[in-house]
Amino acid sequence: MAMIYCRECGYKHSDKAKACPKCGYVSNETLTGRANKLVNGKSIVVYLLLAWFLGVFGAHRFYARKFGSAWATVGFILVVPVFISAIWALVDLIVGICNISTPEKVFNS
């Protein structure tokens, strides 16, 4: 029996233990076990699928209950196109004012 340190809390315990006796960290899980593990009823696989297919809308962040950054993502989607359109409209306004005496430059392509 060898003594190992817990990766989570640093407590020294037996390598035969399935979990750290101090913090409960499970050190002998396989990668597959971690992928299928549910944390608070949520799966990392679902999180990854939401990030891949609906990530631009922040769906994965809503799923992870990170509401602040999820709403920021939604706000970014709504604000940036409006901001770009506003800049474009401002440029058109300036071009129109500069060509007020020659409107054919504005209306002809």
N, C-alpha and C. Protein backbone atom coordinates (compact mmCIF):
# COMPACT_ATOMS: atom_id res chain seq x y z
N MET A 1 0.85 -1.17 0.00
CA MET A 1 0.00 0.00 0.00
C MET A 1 0.89 1.24 0.00
N ALA A 2 0.68 2.07 -0.99
CA ALA A 2 1.45 3.31 -1.09
C ALA A 2 0.56 4.47 -0.67
N MET A 3 1.20 5.51 -0.21
CA MET A 3 0.48 6.72 0.18
C MET A 3 0.59 7.72 -0.96
N ILE A 4 -0.52 8.33 -1.31
CA ILE A 4 -0.54 9.34 -2.37
C ILE A 4 -1.19 10.60 -1.83
N TYR A 5 -1.00 11.69 -2.55
CA TYR A 5 -1.61 12.96 -2.17
C TYR A 5 -2.84 13.20 -3.06
N CYS A 6 -3.87 13.71 -2.45
CA CYS A 6 -5.09 14.03 -3.17
C CYS A 6 -4.82 15.21 -4.11
N ARG A 7 -5.26 15.09 -5.34
CA ARG A 7 -5.07 16.18 -6.31
C ARG A 7 -5.91 17.40 -5.97
N GLU A 8 -6.98 17.20 -5.24
CA GLU A 8 -7.90 18.29 -4.94
C GLU A 8 -7.48 19.07 -3.69
N CYS A 9 -7.23 18.37 -2.60
CA CYS A 9 -6.96 19.07 -1.33
C CYS A 9 -5.56 18.84 -0.79
N GLY A 10 -4.80 17.89 -1.35
CA GLY A 10 -3.44 17.64 -0.91
C GLY A 10 -3.32 16.70 0.28
N TYR A 11 -4.41 16.12 0.74
CA TYR A 11 -4.40 15.20 1.88
C TYR A 11 -3.72 13.90 1.49
N LYS A 12 -2.86 13.38 2.36
CA LYS A 12 -2.14 12.14 2.09
C LYS A 12 -3.00 10.96 2.52
N HIS A 13 -3.26 10.04 1.58
CA HIS A 13 -4.09 8.87 1.88
C HIS A 13 -3.62 7.67 1.08
N SER A 14 -4.20 6.52 1.34
CA SER A 14 -3.83 5.27 0.69
C SER A 14 -4.21 5.29 -0.79
N ASP A 15 -3.39 4.69 -1.62
CA ASP A 15 -3.71 4.61 -3.04
C ASP A 15 -4.82 3.60 -3.31
N LYS A 16 -5.19 2.81 -2.33
CA LYS A 16 -6.28 1.84 -2.47
C LYS A 16 -7.65 2.49 -2.26
N ALA A 17 -7.66 3.65 -1.66
CA ALA A 17 -8.94 4.33 -1.41
C ALA A 17 -9.52 4.81 -2.72
N LYS A 18 -10.83 4.62 -2.88
CA LYS A 18 -11.49 5.05 -4.11
C LYS A 18 -11.71 6.55 -4.14
N ALA A 19 -11.73 7.17 -2.99
CA ALA A 19 -11.93 8.62 -2.90
C ALA A 19 -11.11 9.15 -1.73
N CYS A 20 -10.79 10.40 -1.78
CA CYS A 20 -10.07 11.05 -0.69
C CYS A 20 -10.96 11.05 0.55
N PRO A 21 -10.46 10.56 1.70
CA PRO A 21 -11.30 10.55 2.89
C PRO A 21 -11.61 11.94 3.43
N LYS A 22 -10.80 12.92 3.06
CA LYS A 22 -11.02 14.28 3.57
C LYS A 22 -12.02 15.06 2.73
N CYS A 23 -11.79 15.10 1.39
CA CYS A 23 -12.66 15.94 0.54
C CYS A 23 -13.60 15.14 -0.36
N GLY A 24 -13.35 13.83 -0.52
CA GLY A 24 -14.22 13.01 -1.34
C GLY A 24 -13.85 12.97 -2.81
N TYR A 25 -12.72 13.58 -3.19
CA TYR A 25 -12.30 13.59 -4.59
C TYR A 25 -12.01 12.16 -5.05
N VAL A 26 -12.61 11.77 -6.17
CA VAL A 26 -12.42 10.42 -6.71
C VAL A 26 -11.25 10.46 -7.67
N SER A 27 -10.18 9.75 -7.33
CA SER A 27 -8.96 9.83 -8.12
C SER A 27 -8.79 8.70 -9.11
N ASN A 28 -9.55 7.64 -9.01
CA ASN A 28 -9.36 6.48 -9.88
C ASN A 28 -10.44 6.35 -10.94
N GLU A 29 -11.03 7.48 -11.38
CA GLU A 29 -12.04 7.43 -12.42
C GLU A 29 -11.39 7.38 -13.80
N THR A 30 -12.05 6.71 -14.70
CA THR A 30 -11.58 6.73 -16.08
C THR A 30 -12.14 7.95 -16.78
N LEU A 31 -11.59 8.28 -17.93
CA LEU A 31 -12.08 9.43 -18.69
C LEU A 31 -13.53 9.23 -19.10
N THR A 32 -13.90 8.01 -19.44
CA THR A 32 -15.29 7.73 -19.81
C THR A 32 -16.23 7.97 -18.65
N GLY A 33 -15.81 7.57 -17.47
CA GLY A 33 -16.62 7.80 -16.28
C GLY A 33 -16.81 9.28 -16.02
N ARG A 34 -15.80 10.06 -16.25
CA ARG A 34 -15.90 11.50 -16.05
C ARG A 34 -16.84 12.13 -17.07
N ALA A 35 -16.80 11.66 -18.31
CA ALA A 35 -17.65 12.24 -19.36
C ALA A 35 -19.12 11.96 -19.09
N ASN A 36 -19.41 10.80 -18.49
CA ASN A 36 -20.80 10.43 -18.23
C ASN A 36 -21.29 10.90 -16.87
N LYS A 37 -20.40 11.46 -16.07
CA LYS A 37 -20.74 11.87 -14.72
C LYS A 37 -21.70 13.06 -14.75
N LEU A 38 -22.68 13.01 -13.89
CA LEU A 38 -23.62 14.10 -13.76
C LEU A 38 -23.23 14.95 -12.56
N VAL A 39 -23.16 16.24 -12.77
CA VAL A 39 -22.88 17.18 -11.69
C VAL A 39 -24.12 18.03 -11.54
N ASN A 40 -24.75 17.95 -10.39
CA ASN A 40 -26.01 18.67 -10.13
C ASN A 40 -27.05 18.35 -11.21
N GLY A 41 -27.06 17.10 -11.67
CA GLY A 41 -28.03 16.68 -12.67
C GLY A 41 -27.71 17.12 -14.08
N LYS A 42 -26.51 17.62 -14.32
CA LYS A 42 -26.12 18.13 -15.64
C LYS A 42 -24.97 17.29 -16.19
N SER A 43 -25.01 17.03 -17.48
CA SER A 43 -24.01 16.22 -18.16
C SER A 43 -23.08 17.10 -19.00
N ILE A 44 -21.79 16.78 -18.97
CA ILE A 44 -20.83 17.53 -19.78
C ILE A 44 -21.07 17.28 -21.27
N VAL A 45 -21.59 16.12 -21.61
CA VAL A 45 -21.86 15.80 -23.02
C VAL A 45 -22.96 16.73 -23.56
N VAL A 46 -24.00 16.93 -22.78
CA VAL A 46 -25.07 17.84 -23.19
C VAL A 46 -24.53 19.26 -23.30
N TYR A 47 -23.69 19.65 -22.33
CA TYR A 47 -23.07 20.97 -22.35
C TYR A 47 -22.27 21.18 -23.64
N LEU A 48 -21.48 20.18 -24.02
CA LEU A 48 -20.66 20.28 -25.24
C LEU A 48 -21.51 20.33 -26.49
N LEU A 49 -22.57 19.56 -26.53
CA LEU A 49 -23.47 19.59 -27.69
C LEU A 49 -24.16 20.94 -27.81
N LEU A 50 -24.59 21.48 -26.69
CA LEU A 50 -25.21 22.81 -26.72
C LEU A 50 -24.21 23.87 -27.15
N ALA A 51 -22.97 23.75 -26.67
CA ALA A 51 -21.94 24.72 -27.06
C ALA A 51 -21.66 24.64 -28.55
N TRP A 52 -21.66 23.43 -29.10
CA TRP A 52 -21.35 23.26 -30.52
C TRP A 52 -22.49 23.78 -31.41
N PHE A 53 -23.73 23.40 -31.09
CA PHE A 53 -24.85 23.72 -31.97
C PHE A 53 -25.51 25.07 -31.66
N LEU A 54 -25.56 25.45 -30.39
CA LEU A 54 -26.26 26.68 -30.01
C LEU A 54 -25.39 27.62 -29.19
N GLY A 55 -24.08 27.45 -29.31
CA GLY A 55 -23.16 28.25 -28.50
C GLY A 55 -23.24 29.73 -28.78
N VAL A 56 -23.53 30.09 -30.01
CA VAL A 56 -23.60 31.50 -30.36
C VAL A 56 -24.74 32.20 -29.61
N PHE A 57 -25.74 31.44 -29.19
CA PHE A 57 -26.86 32.00 -28.44
C PHE A 57 -26.67 31.85 -26.93
N GLY A 58 -25.56 31.26 -26.49
CA GLY A 58 -25.29 31.10 -25.07
C GLY A 58 -26.06 29.98 -24.41
N ALA A 59 -26.59 29.04 -25.18
CA ALA A 59 -27.42 27.96 -24.62
C ALA A 59 -26.64 27.11 -23.61
N HIS A 60 -25.37 26.85 -23.89
CA HIS A 60 -24.56 26.04 -22.98
C HIS A 60 -24.34 26.77 -21.65
N ARG A 61 -24.27 28.09 -21.69
CA ARG A 61 -24.08 28.85 -20.45
C ARG A 61 -25.38 28.88 -19.63
N PHE A 62 -26.53 28.93 -20.30
CA PHE A 62 -27.78 28.81 -19.57
C PHE A 62 -27.88 27.43 -18.93
N TYR A 63 -27.47 26.39 -19.66
CA TYR A 63 -27.49 25.02 -19.14
C TYR A 63 -26.60 24.88 -17.91
N ALA A 64 -25.45 25.54 -17.93
CA ALA A 64 -24.52 25.48 -16.81
C ALA A 64 -24.91 26.43 -15.68
N ARG A 65 -26.01 27.13 -15.83
CA ARG A 65 -26.52 28.08 -14.85
C ARG A 65 -25.57 29.25 -14.63
N LYS A 66 -24.91 29.67 -15.70
CA LYS A 66 -24.06 30.86 -15.70
C LYS A 66 -24.85 31.97 -16.39
N PHE A 67 -25.86 32.45 -15.70
CA PHE A 67 -26.83 33.33 -16.32
C PHE A 67 -26.26 34.69 -16.72
N GLY A 68 -25.33 35.20 -15.95
CA GLY A 68 -24.76 36.51 -16.27
C GLY A 68 -24.08 36.52 -17.63
N SER A 69 -23.17 35.56 -17.84
CA SER A 69 -22.47 35.52 -19.13
C SER A 69 -23.38 35.03 -20.24
N ALA A 70 -24.40 34.24 -19.91
CA ALA A 70 -25.35 33.79 -20.94
C ALA A 70 -26.13 34.98 -21.47
N TRP A 71 -26.64 35.83 -20.58
CA TRP A 71 -27.37 37.00 -21.02
C TRP A 71 -26.45 37.99 -21.72
N ALA A 72 -25.18 38.04 -21.30
CA ALA A 72 -24.22 38.90 -22.00
C ALA A 72 -24.03 38.44 -23.44
N THR A 73 -24.01 37.13 -23.64
CA THR A 73 -23.89 36.58 -25.00
C THR A 73 -25.11 36.96 -25.84
N VAL A 74 -26.27 36.81 -25.27
CA VAL A 74 -27.50 37.18 -25.99
C VAL A 74 -27.50 38.68 -26.29
N GLY A 75 -27.11 39.47 -25.31
CA GLY A 75 -27.04 40.91 -25.52
C GLY A 75 -26.05 41.29 -26.59
N PHE A 76 -24.92 40.59 -26.62
CA PHE A 76 -23.90 40.85 -27.64
C PHE A 76 -24.46 40.57 -29.03
N ILE A 77 -25.22 39.49 -29.15
CA ILE A 77 -25.82 39.14 -30.45
C ILE A 77 -26.79 40.22 -30.89
N LEU A 78 -27.53 40.79 -29.95
CA LEU A 78 -28.52 41.79 -30.30
C LEU A 78 -27.91 43.17 -30.51
N VAL A 79 -26.88 43.51 -29.74
CA VAL A 79 -26.32 44.86 -29.78
C VAL A 79 -25.36 45.06 -30.94
N VAL A 80 -24.51 44.11 -31.22
CA VAL A 80 -23.49 44.29 -32.26
C VAL A 80 -24.09 44.55 -33.64
N PRO A 81 -25.07 43.77 -34.10
CA PRO A 81 -25.66 44.09 -35.41
C PRO A 81 -26.32 45.47 -35.43
N VAL A 82 -26.97 45.85 -34.36
CA VAL A 82 -27.60 47.17 -34.30
C VAL A 82 -26.52 48.25 -34.32
N PHE A 83 -25.44 48.02 -33.60
CA PHE A 83 -24.33 48.97 -33.57
C PHE A 83 -23.71 49.14 -34.95
N ILE A 84 -23.50 48.02 -35.65
CA ILE A 84 -22.94 48.07 -37.00
C ILE A 84 -23.90 48.80 -37.94
N SER A 85 -25.20 48.52 -37.82
CA SER A 85 -26.18 49.21 -38.65
C SER A 85 -26.22 50.70 -38.35
N ALA A 86 -26.05 51.05 -37.08
CA ALA A 86 -26.05 52.47 -36.70
C ALA A 86 -24.84 53.19 -37.29
N ILE A 87 -23.69 52.55 -37.28
CA ILE A 87 -22.49 53.15 -37.89
C ILE A 87 -22.69 53.32 -39.39
N TRP A 88 -23.26 52.31 -40.03
CA TRP A 88 -23.51 52.36 -41.46
C TRP A 88 -24.47 53.52 -41.79
N ALA A 89 -25.51 53.65 -40.98
CA ALA A 89 -26.46 54.74 -41.19
C ALA A 89 -25.79 56.10 -40.98
N LEU A 90 -24.89 56.20 -40.01
CA LEU A 90 -24.17 57.45 -39.77
C LEU A 90 -23.27 57.79 -40.96
N VAL A 91 -22.61 56.79 -41.52
CA VAL A 91 -21.77 57.02 -42.71
C VAL A 91 -22.64 57.49 -43.87
N ASP A 92 -23.80 56.85 -44.08
CA ASP A 92 -24.71 57.28 -45.14
C ASP A 92 -25.20 58.71 -44.92
N LEU A 93 -25.45 59.07 -43.67
CA LEU A 93 -25.87 60.42 -43.35
C LEU A 93 -24.77 61.43 -43.71
N ILE A 94 -23.53 61.10 -43.35
CA ILE A 94 -22.41 62.00 -43.66
C ILE A 94 -22.22 62.12 -45.16
N VAL A 95 -22.31 61.00 -45.88
CA VAL A 95 -22.19 61.04 -47.34
C VAL A 95 -23.31 61.87 -47.94
N GLY A 96 -24.52 61.73 -47.42
CA GLY A 96 -25.65 62.52 -47.92
C GLY A 96 -25.46 64.00 -47.67
N ILE A 97 -24.96 64.37 -46.49
CA ILE A 97 -24.73 65.78 -46.17
C ILE A 97 -23.62 66.35 -47.06
N CYS A 98 -22.58 65.57 -47.27
CA CYS A 98 -21.47 66.03 -48.11
C CYS A 98 -21.89 66.21 -49.57
N ASN A 99 -22.89 65.47 -50.00
CA ASN A 99 -23.34 65.54 -51.39
C ASN A 99 -24.71 66.18 -51.51
N ILE A 100 -25.02 67.11 -50.62
CA ILE A 100 -26.35 67.73 -50.63
C ILE A 100 -26.59 68.55 -51.91
N SER A 101 -25.53 69.10 -52.46
CA SER A 101 -25.70 69.88 -53.68
C SER A 101 -25.63 69.02 -54.93
N THR A 102 -25.16 67.78 -54.80
CA THR A 102 -25.09 66.88 -55.95
C THR A 102 -25.76 65.54 -55.58
N PRO A 103 -27.08 65.51 -55.49
CA PRO A 103 -27.78 64.30 -55.05
C PRO A 103 -27.63 63.14 -56.01
N GLU A 104 -27.26 63.40 -57.25
CA GLU A 104 -27.10 62.28 -58.20
C GLU A 104 -25.98 61.34 -57.77
N LYS A 105 -24.99 61.84 -56.99
CA LYS A 105 -23.91 60.97 -56.49
C LYS A 105 -24.44 59.99 -55.46
N VAL A 106 -25.47 60.38 -54.74
CA VAL A 106 -26.02 59.53 -53.69
C VAL A 106 -26.96 58.48 -54.30
N PHE A 107 -27.78 58.89 -55.27
CA PHE A 107 -28.80 58.01 -55.80
C PHE A 107 -28.35 57.15 -56.95
N ASN A 108 -27.25 57.46 -57.60
CA ASN A 108 -26.73 56.64 -58.69
C ASN A 108 -25.68 55.68 -58.13
N SER A 109 -25.69 54.48 -58.65
CA SER A 109 -24.72 53.51 -58.14
C SER A 109 -23.49 53.42 -59.00
